[in-house]
Amino acid sequence: MNREELLKKLAEYSGLRRELAVLLSEKTELEEAKRLIEKSTPRRIYRFLGPLAVEITMDEAKQYLDERLEILELRIKKIEELMKALREELKGKIPAIVS
């Protein structure tokens, strides 16, 4: 692997790390929102659909959050797999990211 290819792989790895950090942050926020909904008494909840706010039930809100969390989990898993593959590919070439 030449220097240019190595730099591309490192840039790709760095981008994946940033994306993973964003997804983990979003996951934490959704989990917190879900906990708040589960602990709260029934109240009006609105989901924004474009410029419209649509009232939904507590169960619909929980279901929506569960679906979003499931999607995030899949994306996180995919990124972790890509990062692992890159680490394996770069193993021995860049010891700092392989540890």
N, C-alpha and C. Protein backbone atom coordinates (compact mmCIF):
# COMPACT_ATOMS: atom_id res chain seq x y z
N MET A 1 0.86 -1.17 0.00
CA MET A 1 0.00 0.00 0.00
C MET A 1 0.90 1.23 0.00
N ASN A 2 0.70 2.09 -0.99
CA ASN A 2 1.53 3.30 -1.06
C ASN A 2 1.00 4.38 -0.11
N ARG A 3 1.76 5.44 -0.02
CA ARG A 3 1.44 6.53 0.92
C ARG A 3 0.06 7.14 0.63
N GLU A 4 -0.27 7.35 -0.64
CA GLU A 4 -1.55 7.95 -1.01
C GLU A 4 -2.72 7.06 -0.59
N GLU A 5 -2.61 5.78 -0.84
CA GLU A 5 -3.68 4.84 -0.44
C GLU A 5 -3.82 4.79 1.07
N LEU A 6 -2.68 4.82 1.76
CA LEU A 6 -2.69 4.80 3.22
C LEU A 6 -3.39 6.04 3.77
N LEU A 7 -3.10 7.19 3.20
CA LEU A 7 -3.74 8.43 3.64
C LEU A 7 -5.25 8.40 3.38
N LYS A 8 -5.65 7.83 2.24
CA LYS A 8 -7.08 7.70 1.95
C LYS A 8 -7.78 6.82 2.98
N LYS A 9 -7.13 5.70 3.31
CA LYS A 9 -7.71 4.78 4.30
C LYS A 9 -7.81 5.45 5.67
N LEU A 10 -6.79 6.21 6.03
CA LEU A 10 -6.83 6.92 7.32
C LEU A 10 -7.92 7.97 7.34
N ALA A 11 -8.09 8.67 6.22
CA ALA A 11 -9.16 9.67 6.14
C ALA A 11 -10.52 8.99 6.23
N GLU A 12 -10.66 7.85 5.58
CA GLU A 12 -11.92 7.10 5.64
C GLU A 12 -12.19 6.65 7.07
N TYR A 13 -11.17 6.15 7.74
CA TYR A 13 -11.31 5.71 9.13
C TYR A 13 -11.71 6.88 10.03
N SER A 14 -11.06 8.01 9.83
CA SER A 14 -11.38 9.21 10.62
C SER A 14 -12.82 9.65 10.39
N GLY A 15 -13.28 9.61 9.15
CA GLY A 15 -14.67 9.96 8.85
C GLY A 15 -15.65 9.01 9.51
N LEU A 16 -15.31 7.73 9.52
CA LEU A 16 -16.18 6.74 10.17
C LEU A 16 -16.24 6.98 11.67
N ARG A 17 -15.11 7.35 12.26
CA ARG A 17 -15.11 7.64 13.70
C ARG A 17 -16.01 8.83 14.02
N ARG A 18 -15.94 9.86 13.19
CA ARG A 18 -16.80 11.04 13.41
C ARG A 18 -18.27 10.66 13.27
N GLU A 19 -18.59 9.90 12.22
CA GLU A 19 -19.98 9.48 12.02
C GLU A 19 -20.46 8.62 13.18
N LEU A 20 -19.61 7.73 13.66
CA LEU A 20 -19.97 6.88 14.79
C LEU A 20 -20.25 7.73 16.03
N ALA A 21 -19.43 8.74 16.27
CA ALA A 21 -19.63 9.62 17.42
C ALA A 21 -20.98 10.34 17.33
N VAL A 22 -21.33 10.81 16.15
CA VAL A 22 -22.62 11.49 15.95
C VAL A 22 -23.78 10.53 16.20
N LEU A 23 -23.67 9.32 15.67
CA LEU A 23 -24.74 8.33 15.85
C LEU A 23 -24.90 7.92 17.31
N LEU A 24 -23.78 7.76 18.01
CA LEU A 24 -23.86 7.39 19.42
C LEU A 24 -24.48 8.52 20.24
N SER A 25 -24.18 9.75 19.89
CA SER A 25 -24.79 10.89 20.56
C SER A 25 -26.30 10.92 20.31
N GLU A 26 -26.70 10.71 19.06
CA GLU A 26 -28.12 10.68 18.72
C GLU A 26 -28.83 9.54 19.45
N LYS A 27 -28.17 8.39 19.53
CA LYS A 27 -28.75 7.24 20.23
C LYS A 27 -28.98 7.57 21.71
N THR A 28 -28.00 8.22 22.32
CA THR A 28 -28.13 8.61 23.73
C THR A 28 -29.32 9.55 23.93
N GLU A 29 -29.48 10.51 23.03
CA GLU A 29 -30.60 11.45 23.12
C GLU A 29 -31.94 10.74 22.97
N LEU A 30 -32.02 9.80 22.03
CA LEU A 30 -33.27 9.06 21.82
C LEU A 30 -33.59 8.17 23.02
N GLU A 31 -32.57 7.55 23.59
CA GLU A 31 -32.79 6.72 24.78
C GLU A 31 -33.28 7.56 25.95
N GLU A 32 -32.74 8.75 26.09
CA GLU A 32 -33.18 9.65 27.16
C GLU A 32 -34.63 10.08 26.92
N ALA A 33 -34.97 10.40 25.68
CA ALA A 33 -36.36 10.78 25.35
C ALA A 33 -37.31 9.62 25.65
N LYS A 34 -36.89 8.42 25.33
CA LYS A 34 -37.72 7.24 25.59
C LYS A 34 -37.93 7.05 27.09
N ARG A 35 -36.86 7.23 27.87
CA ARG A 35 -36.99 7.11 29.34
C ARG A 35 -37.95 8.17 29.88
N LEU A 36 -37.85 9.38 29.36
CA LEU A 36 -38.76 10.44 29.82
C LEU A 36 -40.21 10.11 29.50
N ILE A 37 -40.44 9.59 28.31
CA ILE A 37 -41.81 9.22 27.92
C ILE A 37 -42.33 8.09 28.81
N GLU A 38 -41.49 7.11 29.08
CA GLU A 38 -41.92 5.98 29.90
C GLU A 38 -42.23 6.39 31.33
N LYS A 39 -41.51 7.40 31.84
CA LYS A 39 -41.71 7.84 33.22
C LYS A 39 -42.81 8.88 33.37
N SER A 40 -43.18 9.52 32.30
CA SER A 40 -44.12 10.63 32.41
C SER A 40 -45.57 10.15 32.39
N THR A 41 -46.42 11.02 32.84
CA THR A 41 -47.85 10.74 32.78
C THR A 41 -48.33 11.07 31.37
N PRO A 42 -49.40 10.45 30.93
CA PRO A 42 -49.89 10.73 29.56
C PRO A 42 -50.10 12.23 29.36
N ARG A 43 -49.63 12.70 28.26
CA ARG A 43 -49.78 14.11 27.89
C ARG A 43 -49.77 14.22 26.38
N ARG A 44 -49.94 15.39 25.91
CA ARG A 44 -49.92 15.60 24.46
C ARG A 44 -48.48 15.53 23.96
N ILE A 45 -48.30 14.76 22.91
CA ILE A 45 -46.99 14.64 22.29
C ILE A 45 -47.18 14.95 20.81
N TYR A 46 -46.27 15.73 20.28
CA TYR A 46 -46.36 16.12 18.88
C TYR A 46 -45.13 15.62 18.13
N ARG A 47 -45.38 15.13 16.94
CA ARG A 47 -44.31 14.71 16.04
C ARG A 47 -44.37 15.64 14.84
N PHE A 48 -43.24 16.18 14.48
CA PHE A 48 -43.21 17.11 13.35
C PHE A 48 -43.05 16.35 12.05
N LEU A 49 -43.95 16.60 11.13
CA LEU A 49 -43.91 16.06 9.78
C LEU A 49 -43.79 17.25 8.84
N GLY A 50 -42.55 17.58 8.53
CA GLY A 50 -42.33 18.79 7.75
C GLY A 50 -42.75 19.99 8.58
N PRO A 51 -43.54 20.89 8.02
CA PRO A 51 -43.97 22.07 8.77
C PRO A 51 -45.17 21.79 9.69
N LEU A 52 -45.71 20.58 9.65
CA LEU A 52 -46.90 20.25 10.45
C LEU A 52 -46.53 19.53 11.73
N ALA A 53 -47.26 19.82 12.79
CA ALA A 53 -47.12 19.09 14.04
C ALA A 53 -48.36 18.21 14.20
N VAL A 54 -48.13 16.90 14.33
CA VAL A 54 -49.23 15.96 14.43
C VAL A 54 -49.23 15.38 15.84
N GLU A 55 -50.38 15.42 16.49
CA GLU A 55 -50.48 14.86 17.84
C GLU A 55 -50.47 13.34 17.76
N ILE A 56 -49.66 12.71 18.61
CA ILE A 56 -49.59 11.26 18.65
C ILE A 56 -49.76 10.78 20.09
N THR A 57 -50.08 9.50 20.27
CA THR A 57 -50.25 8.93 21.61
C THR A 57 -48.89 8.57 22.19
N MET A 58 -48.90 8.26 23.48
CA MET A 58 -47.67 7.84 24.15
C MET A 58 -47.13 6.57 23.51
N ASP A 59 -48.02 5.63 23.19
CA ASP A 59 -47.58 4.38 22.57
C ASP A 59 -46.96 4.63 21.20
N GLU A 60 -47.56 5.53 20.43
CA GLU A 60 -47.00 5.86 19.11
C GLU A 60 -45.62 6.51 19.26
N ALA A 61 -45.47 7.34 20.28
CA ALA A 61 -44.18 7.99 20.51
C ALA A 61 -43.12 6.95 20.87
N LYS A 62 -43.49 6.01 21.75
CA LYS A 62 -42.55 4.95 22.13
C LYS A 62 -42.18 4.10 20.92
N GLN A 63 -43.17 3.76 20.12
CA GLN A 63 -42.92 2.95 18.93
C GLN A 63 -42.00 3.69 17.96
N TYR A 64 -42.24 4.97 17.76
CA TYR A 64 -41.40 5.78 16.89
C TYR A 64 -39.95 5.79 17.38
N LEU A 65 -39.77 5.99 18.68
CA LEU A 65 -38.42 6.01 19.24
C LEU A 65 -37.76 4.65 19.12
N ASP A 66 -38.51 3.58 19.35
CA ASP A 66 -37.97 2.23 19.20
C ASP A 66 -37.50 1.99 17.76
N GLU A 67 -38.29 2.42 16.80
CA GLU A 67 -37.92 2.26 15.39
C GLU A 67 -36.66 3.05 15.06
N ARG A 68 -36.59 4.28 15.54
CA ARG A 68 -35.40 5.11 15.30
C ARG A 68 -34.17 4.48 15.95
N LEU A 69 -34.33 3.96 17.17
CA LEU A 69 -33.20 3.32 17.85
C LEU A 69 -32.74 2.08 17.10
N GLU A 70 -33.67 1.33 16.57
CA GLU A 70 -33.34 0.13 15.80
C GLU A 70 -32.53 0.50 14.55
N ILE A 71 -32.96 1.54 13.87
CA ILE A 71 -32.24 2.00 12.68
C ILE A 71 -30.84 2.46 13.06
N LEU A 72 -30.73 3.21 14.16
CA LEU A 72 -29.42 3.67 14.61
C LEU A 72 -28.51 2.50 14.96
N GLU A 73 -29.06 1.50 15.64
CA GLU A 73 -28.26 0.32 16.00
C GLU A 73 -27.69 -0.35 14.76
N LEU A 74 -28.51 -0.46 13.70
CA LEU A 74 -28.03 -1.08 12.46
C LEU A 74 -26.92 -0.25 11.83
N ARG A 75 -27.10 1.07 11.82
CA ARG A 75 -26.08 1.95 11.24
C ARG A 75 -24.78 1.90 12.05
N ILE A 76 -24.91 1.88 13.37
CA ILE A 76 -23.75 1.81 14.25
C ILE A 76 -23.00 0.49 14.02
N LYS A 77 -23.74 -0.59 13.94
CA LYS A 77 -23.12 -1.90 13.71
C LYS A 77 -22.37 -1.91 12.38
N LYS A 78 -22.97 -1.36 11.34
CA LYS A 78 -22.34 -1.32 10.01
C LYS A 78 -21.05 -0.51 10.06
N ILE A 79 -21.08 0.64 10.71
CA ILE A 79 -19.89 1.48 10.80
C ILE A 79 -18.80 0.78 11.60
N GLU A 80 -19.18 0.11 12.70
CA GLU A 80 -18.20 -0.62 13.49
C GLU A 80 -17.55 -1.73 12.66
N GLU A 81 -18.34 -2.40 11.82
CA GLU A 81 -17.80 -3.44 10.95
C GLU A 81 -16.82 -2.85 9.94
N LEU A 82 -17.19 -1.71 9.35
CA LEU A 82 -16.30 -1.05 8.40
C LEU A 82 -14.99 -0.62 9.07
N MET A 83 -15.10 -0.09 10.29
CA MET A 83 -13.91 0.34 11.02
C MET A 83 -13.02 -0.86 11.34
N LYS A 84 -13.64 -1.95 11.73
CA LYS A 84 -12.88 -3.16 12.04
C LYS A 84 -12.13 -3.65 10.80
N ALA A 85 -12.80 -3.65 9.66
CA ALA A 85 -12.17 -4.08 8.41
C ALA A 85 -10.99 -3.17 8.06
N LEU A 86 -11.17 -1.87 8.25
CA LEU A 86 -10.06 -0.94 7.98
C LEU A 86 -8.90 -1.16 8.93
N ARG A 87 -9.21 -1.40 10.21
CA ARG A 87 -8.15 -1.66 11.19
C ARG A 87 -7.36 -2.90 10.78
N GLU A 88 -8.08 -3.93 10.36
CA GLU A 88 -7.40 -5.17 9.93
C GLU A 88 -6.53 -4.90 8.70
N GLU A 89 -7.04 -4.12 7.78
CA GLU A 89 -6.29 -3.80 6.57
C GLU A 89 -5.04 -2.98 6.88
N LEU A 90 -5.13 -2.12 7.88
CA LEU A 90 -4.02 -1.24 8.23
C LEU A 90 -3.13 -1.82 9.32
N LYS A 91 -3.48 -2.97 9.82
CA LYS A 91 -2.73 -3.58 10.93
C LYS A 91 -1.25 -3.68 10.55
N GLY A 92 -0.41 -3.21 11.45
CA GLY A 92 1.02 -3.23 11.21
C GLY A 92 1.54 -2.01 10.46
N LYS A 93 0.65 -1.30 9.82
CA LYS A 93 1.08 -0.11 9.06
C LYS A 93 0.94 1.15 9.91
N ILE A 94 -0.12 1.20 10.71
CA ILE A 94 -0.39 2.35 11.60
C ILE A 94 -0.72 1.79 12.98
N PRO A 95 0.25 1.58 13.85
CA PRO A 95 -0.02 0.96 15.15
C PRO A 95 -0.94 1.78 16.07
N ALA A 96 -1.02 3.09 15.89
CA ALA A 96 -1.81 3.93 16.80
C ALA A 96 -3.30 3.64 16.73
N ILE A 97 -3.85 3.27 15.57
CA ILE A 97 -5.29 3.05 15.48
C ILE A 97 -5.67 1.60 15.67
N VAL A 98 -4.69 0.71 15.69
CA VAL A 98 -4.99 -0.71 15.78
C VAL A 98 -5.14 -1.15 17.22
N SER A 99 -4.61 -0.42 18.15
CA SER A 99 -4.62 -0.83 19.55
C SER A 99 -6.00 -0.96 20.12
